[in-house]
Amino acid sequence: MNGASDLGDEHSAAAKIRARLIAAKKRFHANDSIAEFIQAGELEMLQAEVEKNLQRVLDALVIDTSSDHNTQDTAKRVAK
């Protein structure tokens, strides 16, 4: 699941960064730094993508994040 098509949108910040990493033959495991592959403006875009997709995960888990004070803004906090 490392291809851009797995991300659903080949124009997403995540897909662009992933493509740069693959082209450079750089590893991108959980503890690896990818900072040098993130271009100006992409960090904010990546955070928005993570927030949106994490909210989808919480929704799929049937967690009422709008009413549950423990989970409100969880997606935003994790994305940062």
Protein backbone atom coordinates (compact mmCIF):
# COMPACT_ATOMS: atom_id res chain seq x y z
CA MET A 1 0.00 0.00 0.00
CA ASN A 2 2.82 2.39 -0.77
CA GLY A 3 1.53 3.63 -4.14
CA ALA A 4 -0.17 6.98 -4.68
CA SER A 5 -3.30 5.22 -5.94
CA ASP A 6 -3.81 3.82 -2.44
CA LEU A 7 -4.25 7.38 -1.19
CA GLY A 8 -7.27 8.00 -3.37
CA ASP A 9 -5.96 11.27 -4.81
CA GLU A 10 -2.72 11.40 -6.75
CA HIS A 11 -2.70 15.20 -6.28
CA SER A 12 -2.81 15.06 -2.49
CA ALA A 13 0.14 16.38 -0.51
CA ALA A 14 0.69 12.88 0.88
CA ALA A 15 0.86 11.38 -2.62
CA LYS A 16 3.29 14.03 -3.84
CA ILE A 17 5.58 13.59 -0.85
CA ARG A 18 5.38 9.80 -1.15
CA ALA A 19 6.28 10.02 -4.86
CA ARG A 20 9.36 12.12 -4.05
CA LEU A 21 10.46 9.62 -1.43
CA ILE A 22 10.01 6.69 -3.80
CA ALA A 23 11.84 8.51 -6.62
CA ALA A 24 14.74 9.23 -4.27
CA LYS A 25 14.66 5.60 -3.07
CA LYS A 26 14.40 6.84 0.51
CA ARG A 27 12.86 4.76 3.26
CA PHE A 28 9.85 6.30 5.02
CA HIS A 29 9.11 4.15 8.04
CA ALA A 30 7.35 5.54 11.11
CA ASN A 31 10.54 6.81 12.76
CA ASP A 32 12.17 8.17 9.58
CA SER A 33 12.31 11.91 8.99
CA ILE A 34 10.76 13.02 5.70
CA ALA A 35 11.18 16.74 6.37
CA GLU A 36 13.56 17.30 3.45
CA PHE A 37 10.89 16.01 1.05
CA ILE A 38 8.13 18.36 2.22
CA GLN A 39 7.91 21.52 0.13
CA ALA A 40 6.60 24.95 1.12
CA GLY A 41 2.89 24.87 1.92
CA GLU A 42 2.64 21.09 1.94
CA LEU A 43 2.83 20.65 5.71
CA GLU A 44 -0.44 22.51 6.20
CA MET A 45 -2.03 20.56 3.34
CA LEU A 46 -0.79 17.28 4.82
CA GLN A 47 -2.19 18.18 8.25
CA ALA A 48 -5.59 18.94 6.68
CA GLU A 49 -5.55 15.59 4.85
CA VAL A 50 -4.65 13.71 8.03
CA GLU A 51 -7.37 15.51 9.99
CA LYS A 52 -10.01 14.72 7.35
CA ASN A 53 -9.04 11.06 7.10
CA LEU A 54 -8.70 10.52 10.84
CA GLN A 55 -12.19 11.96 11.28
CA ARG A 56 -13.36 9.34 8.78
CA VAL A 57 -11.75 6.64 10.93
CA LEU A 58 -13.50 7.95 14.05
CA ASP A 59 -16.80 8.07 12.15
CA ALA A 60 -16.27 4.48 10.94
CA LEU A 61 -15.73 3.45 14.56
CA VAL A 62 -19.12 5.02 15.31
CA ILE A 63 -17.70 7.55 17.76
CA ASP A 64 -19.81 10.69 18.22
CA THR A 65 -17.00 13.23 18.15
CA SER A 66 -19.39 16.17 17.97
CA SER A 67 -21.07 15.34 21.30
CA ASP A 68 -18.34 13.47 23.18
CA HIS A 69 -16.08 16.03 24.85
CA ASN A 70 -13.32 13.42 25.13
CA THR A 71 -13.03 13.09 21.36
CA GLN A 72 -13.87 16.58 20.13
CA ASP A 73 -11.05 17.90 17.95
CA THR A 74 -9.18 14.58 18.24
CA ALA A 75 -8.58 14.43 14.49
CA LYS A 76 -7.16 17.96 14.53
CA ARG A 77 -4.91 17.26 17.53
CA VAL A 78 -3.53 14.07 15.99
CA ALA A 79 -2.92 15.78 12.65
CA LYS A 80 -0.68 18.36 14.30
